Amino acid sequence: MNMLEKIIGDVARRAARPKMHADIPPGLKALHTDIIERASNLQAAASAKYERIPVAPNSEAAFHRLHQFALVQHRATLALCEHGWSQAAPSNVRTLLECLINLGVIVEKDSEYRAFQYLYGYVLLALRRPDPSLPNGPTEKGELQSVLDKGIGPLEEPLKSRVLEWTANGELPGNYWYSEYYKGPSLVVKNLLPSVLPMYRIFSSTSHGGFFGTYFFLDAPENPGINAQSNPRTAKFLVGASCRFSIEICHLRSRFQQLNQDGECEVLRHRLSAYNPDAS
């Protein structure tokens, strides 16, 4: 390869590489990565714990799904912020917080019953109020009933009788599967997660297109645009918020499922609380 070919190759590789618009401080980025590793360790520990029993509890199925989905939002938040799309990232952080809200309702009490409602509530709703416009799901009543029956089948008493009563005569889910207990996520946050209420309101305003929210996650709100742009201050805030909610999910899972990783989660929490973006 001659020198000209090497230069052309280097230029092409640089052009193909996505441009980084926000330089996330190394300490915060390392914390973000370590949270993913901790979550993976928790998942492995839970799998090892529940593989010893014939049927894993519904709460494990709920934790498995919600934790996986939360981690997708956690990873997407960093990717969006690094590549100049911090205006879009608040919706991911808000969704991550919604995962924590769902888990908070499940573990508050009656965990296996509520986990069943989380997993099968909208199957029951589709059975009682069919909506043919819904995509990618069983459309025949028999298929839906089969899904519900498979969920009920392994249950033991007295949970099974309670679930059968709910599927026959219980209140159908409203906008949220937990509407029977809380009318919406804001009430869950106020009652179960009051420390995150201010951040919940900020992210809600952005996710719902509120005027304040559309400007909050811009370093220069007087000059908004539709292209990727550098917002290093808000990018740090968003990645930090994603870390905070992700750590809370890890800690909640470790405690509830008795996975003996509370100490490791506390270390992550301490690292986040001690982190000073202005000093990085």
Foldseek 3Di string as FASTA:
>chain_A
DDPVVVVVVVVVVVVPDQAFQADADPLLVVLLVVLVVLLVVLLVLVCVVQVVDPDRFLLNVLLVVLLVLLNVLLVVLLVCQGRQNNLPSLVSLLSSVVSVLLNLVLLPPPNRLSSLLQVLLVLLVCLVPPDVVDPDDDRDNVVSVVVNCVVLVVDDPPSSVVVVCCSVDNDHADPHSVCVPPVDSLVSCVVRPVVCNVVNVLSVCSNVVHPCNSQPQACCSVDDDDDRHHRHVSSNVSSLSSSVSSLVSSCSSCVSVVSPCNVVSVVSVVSSVPDDSVVD
